[in-house]
Amino acid sequence: MLLHIPSTIHHICNTPCTMPHTPPAPCKLVTALTSNYIFAALSEDDIQEVALAMEKVVVSKGEHVITQVG
């Protein structure tokens, strides 16, 4: 799942992703945050890590979806 959310948070991730990174970065963690995209995490640990790194987030553990509020 891919959500298009404006964001300035950058997070290096574990698996290859097809979206460009800004700035360019290797994809290494199943959760990838770029300036324009947030990729859904595949594990609860990843979700919690991302949630801690972001402000105003909603975390849906059931679907492993991360989205920005407001």
N, C-alpha and C. Protein backbone atom coordinates (compact mmCIF):
# COMPACT_ATOMS: atom_id res chain seq x y z
N MET A 1 0.84 -1.19 0.00
CA MET A 1 0.00 0.00 0.00
C MET A 1 0.88 1.24 0.00
N LEU A 2 0.48 2.22 -0.78
CA LEU A 2 1.27 3.45 -0.88
C LEU A 2 0.35 4.64 -0.72
N LEU A 3 0.69 5.49 0.22
CA LEU A 3 -0.11 6.69 0.45
C LEU A 3 0.71 7.89 0.02
N HIS A 4 0.06 8.80 -0.69
CA HIS A 4 0.75 10.02 -1.10
C HIS A 4 0.52 11.08 -0.05
N ILE A 5 1.54 11.40 0.71
CA ILE A 5 1.41 12.36 1.80
C ILE A 5 2.60 13.32 1.79
N PRO A 6 2.36 14.61 1.67
CA PRO A 6 3.46 15.56 1.73
C PRO A 6 4.17 15.43 3.07
N SER A 7 5.46 15.33 3.05
CA SER A 7 6.22 15.17 4.28
C SER A 7 7.67 15.52 4.03
N THR A 8 8.33 16.02 5.06
CA THR A 8 9.75 16.34 4.90
C THR A 8 10.60 15.32 5.65
N ILE A 9 9.93 14.31 6.21
CA ILE A 9 10.65 13.29 6.97
C ILE A 9 11.29 12.28 6.02
N HIS A 10 12.55 11.98 6.23
CA HIS A 10 13.24 11.00 5.41
C HIS A 10 13.65 9.84 6.30
N HIS A 11 13.41 8.64 5.83
CA HIS A 11 13.73 7.46 6.63
C HIS A 11 14.29 6.39 5.69
N ILE A 12 15.46 5.90 6.01
CA ILE A 12 16.06 4.87 5.16
C ILE A 12 15.39 3.52 5.46
N CYS A 13 15.06 2.81 4.42
CA CYS A 13 14.31 1.58 4.59
C CYS A 13 15.02 0.32 4.06
N ASN A 14 14.43 -0.99 4.30
CA ASN A 14 15.09 -2.31 3.99
C ASN A 14 14.81 -2.99 2.66
N THR A 15 13.73 -2.70 1.97
CA THR A 15 13.41 -3.41 0.72
C THR A 15 13.42 -2.44 -0.44
N PRO A 16 13.61 -2.94 -1.63
CA PRO A 16 13.60 -2.04 -2.78
C PRO A 16 12.23 -1.39 -2.93
N CYS A 17 12.19 -0.13 -3.28
CA CYS A 17 10.92 0.52 -3.56
C CYS A 17 11.06 1.23 -4.89
N THR A 18 9.95 1.48 -5.54
CA THR A 18 10.00 2.01 -6.90
C THR A 18 9.90 3.53 -6.96
N MET A 19 9.59 4.16 -5.83
CA MET A 19 9.45 5.61 -5.84
C MET A 19 10.80 6.27 -5.59
N PRO A 20 11.00 7.44 -6.19
CA PRO A 20 12.26 8.16 -5.99
C PRO A 20 12.36 8.71 -4.56
N HIS A 21 13.56 8.77 -4.06
CA HIS A 21 13.78 9.32 -2.73
C HIS A 21 14.31 10.74 -2.86
N THR A 22 13.92 11.59 -1.94
CA THR A 22 14.44 12.96 -1.91
C THR A 22 14.89 13.26 -0.51
N PRO A 23 16.17 13.37 -0.24
CA PRO A 23 17.26 13.13 -1.20
C PRO A 23 17.38 11.64 -1.53
N PRO A 24 18.14 11.32 -2.58
CA PRO A 24 18.31 9.92 -2.95
C PRO A 24 18.88 9.11 -1.79
N ALA A 25 18.32 7.93 -1.56
CA ALA A 25 18.80 7.09 -0.47
C ALA A 25 18.52 5.63 -0.81
N PRO A 26 19.38 4.73 -0.34
CA PRO A 26 19.13 3.32 -0.59
C PRO A 26 17.92 2.86 0.21
N CYS A 27 17.10 2.00 -0.35
CA CYS A 27 15.92 1.51 0.35
C CYS A 27 16.34 0.34 1.19
N LYS A 28 16.19 0.46 2.48
CA LYS A 28 16.62 -0.61 3.34
C LYS A 28 15.67 -1.05 4.42
N LEU A 29 14.66 -0.51 4.76
CA LEU A 29 13.82 -0.96 5.87
C LEU A 29 12.43 -1.04 5.31
N VAL A 30 11.65 -1.96 5.62
CA VAL A 30 10.41 -2.16 4.90
C VAL A 30 9.50 -0.94 4.92
N THR A 31 9.83 0.02 5.72
CA THR A 31 9.07 1.26 5.72
C THR A 31 9.91 2.36 5.09
N ALA A 32 9.40 2.98 4.06
CA ALA A 32 10.17 4.00 3.37
C ALA A 32 9.45 5.33 3.44
N LEU A 33 10.12 6.34 3.95
CA LEU A 33 9.54 7.66 4.00
C LEU A 33 10.35 8.57 3.08
N THR A 34 9.69 9.26 2.20
CA THR A 34 10.39 10.21 1.34
C THR A 34 9.70 11.55 1.49
N SER A 35 10.07 12.52 0.70
CA SER A 35 9.47 13.84 0.84
C SER A 35 8.01 13.83 0.39
N ASN A 36 7.61 12.87 -0.40
CA ASN A 36 6.25 12.84 -0.92
C ASN A 36 5.46 11.57 -0.65
N TYR A 37 6.15 10.53 -0.21
CA TYR A 37 5.46 9.25 -0.07
C TYR A 37 5.75 8.57 1.25
N ILE A 38 4.76 7.85 1.73
CA ILE A 38 4.96 7.01 2.90
C ILE A 38 4.51 5.61 2.50
N PHE A 39 5.40 4.63 2.66
CA PHE A 39 5.08 3.26 2.33
C PHE A 39 4.59 2.54 3.59
N ALA A 40 3.59 1.71 3.45
CA ALA A 40 3.07 0.99 4.60
C ALA A 40 4.14 0.05 5.16
N ALA A 41 4.17 -0.04 6.48
CA ALA A 41 5.11 -0.93 7.14
C ALA A 41 4.59 -2.36 7.07
N LEU A 42 5.50 -3.31 7.09
CA LEU A 42 5.09 -4.70 7.04
C LEU A 42 5.12 -5.37 8.41
N SER A 43 5.60 -4.66 9.40
CA SER A 43 5.61 -5.23 10.75
C SER A 43 5.25 -4.17 11.76
N GLU A 44 4.76 -4.59 12.91
CA GLU A 44 4.37 -3.65 13.93
C GLU A 44 5.57 -2.87 14.46
N ASP A 45 6.73 -3.52 14.52
CA ASP A 45 7.92 -2.83 14.99
C ASP A 45 8.25 -1.67 14.07
N ASP A 46 8.15 -1.91 12.77
CA ASP A 46 8.41 -0.84 11.81
C ASP A 46 7.41 0.29 11.99
N ILE A 47 6.15 -0.08 12.20
CA ILE A 47 5.11 0.93 12.37
C ILE A 47 5.41 1.80 13.58
N GLN A 48 5.78 1.17 14.68
CA GLN A 48 6.06 1.93 15.89
C GLN A 48 7.27 2.83 15.69
N GLU A 49 8.28 2.34 14.99
CA GLU A 49 9.48 3.14 14.74
C GLU A 49 9.12 4.39 13.95
N VAL A 50 8.29 4.20 12.93
CA VAL A 50 7.89 5.33 12.11
C VAL A 50 7.01 6.29 12.90
N ALA A 51 6.10 5.71 13.68
CA ALA A 51 5.20 6.55 14.47
C ALA A 51 5.99 7.44 15.42
N LEU A 52 7.05 6.90 15.99
CA LEU A 52 7.87 7.68 16.91
C LEU A 52 8.62 8.78 16.18
N ALA A 53 8.90 8.55 14.90
CA ALA A 53 9.67 9.52 14.13
C ALA A 53 8.78 10.63 13.55
N MET A 54 7.50 10.44 13.60
CA MET A 54 6.59 11.41 12.99
C MET A 54 5.68 12.07 14.01
N GLU A 55 5.17 13.20 13.67
CA GLU A 55 4.18 13.86 14.51
C GLU A 55 2.84 13.77 13.81
N LYS A 56 1.77 13.74 14.59
CA LYS A 56 0.42 13.71 14.02
C LYS A 56 0.22 12.53 13.08
N VAL A 57 0.43 11.33 13.58
CA VAL A 57 0.22 10.16 12.74
C VAL A 57 -0.88 9.28 13.32
N VAL A 58 -1.52 8.56 12.46
CA VAL A 58 -2.50 7.57 12.88
C VAL A 58 -1.95 6.22 12.46
N VAL A 59 -1.87 5.29 13.39
CA VAL A 59 -1.33 3.97 13.08
C VAL A 59 -2.44 2.93 13.19
N SER A 60 -2.67 2.24 12.10
CA SER A 60 -3.68 1.18 12.10
C SER A 60 -2.94 -0.15 12.12
N LYS A 61 -2.84 -0.77 13.27
CA LYS A 61 -2.09 -2.01 13.40
C LYS A 61 -2.69 -3.14 12.58
N GLY A 62 -4.01 -3.15 12.46
CA GLY A 62 -4.65 -4.22 11.72
C GLY A 62 -4.25 -4.25 10.27
N GLU A 63 -4.19 -3.09 9.64
CA GLU A 63 -3.85 -3.05 8.22
C GLU A 63 -2.43 -2.56 8.00
N HIS A 64 -1.75 -2.20 9.07
CA HIS A 64 -0.40 -1.68 8.97
C HIS A 64 -0.34 -0.47 8.05
N VAL A 65 -1.23 0.46 8.30
CA VAL A 65 -1.28 1.66 7.48
C VAL A 65 -0.86 2.86 8.32
N ILE A 66 -0.03 3.69 7.74
CA ILE A 66 0.42 4.89 8.42
C ILE A 66 -0.07 6.07 7.60
N THR A 67 -0.73 7.00 8.26
CA THR A 67 -1.22 8.16 7.52
C THR A 67 -1.09 9.41 8.37
N GLN A 68 -1.04 10.53 7.73
CA GLN A 68 -0.86 11.79 8.43
C GLN A 68 -2.22 12.42 8.73
N VAL A 69 -2.30 13.09 9.86
CA VAL A 69 -3.55 13.72 10.26
C VAL A 69 -3.50 15.20 9.95
N GLY A 70 -4.60 15.75 9.45
CA GLY A 70 -4.70 17.19 9.25
C GLY A 70 -4.00 17.75 8.08
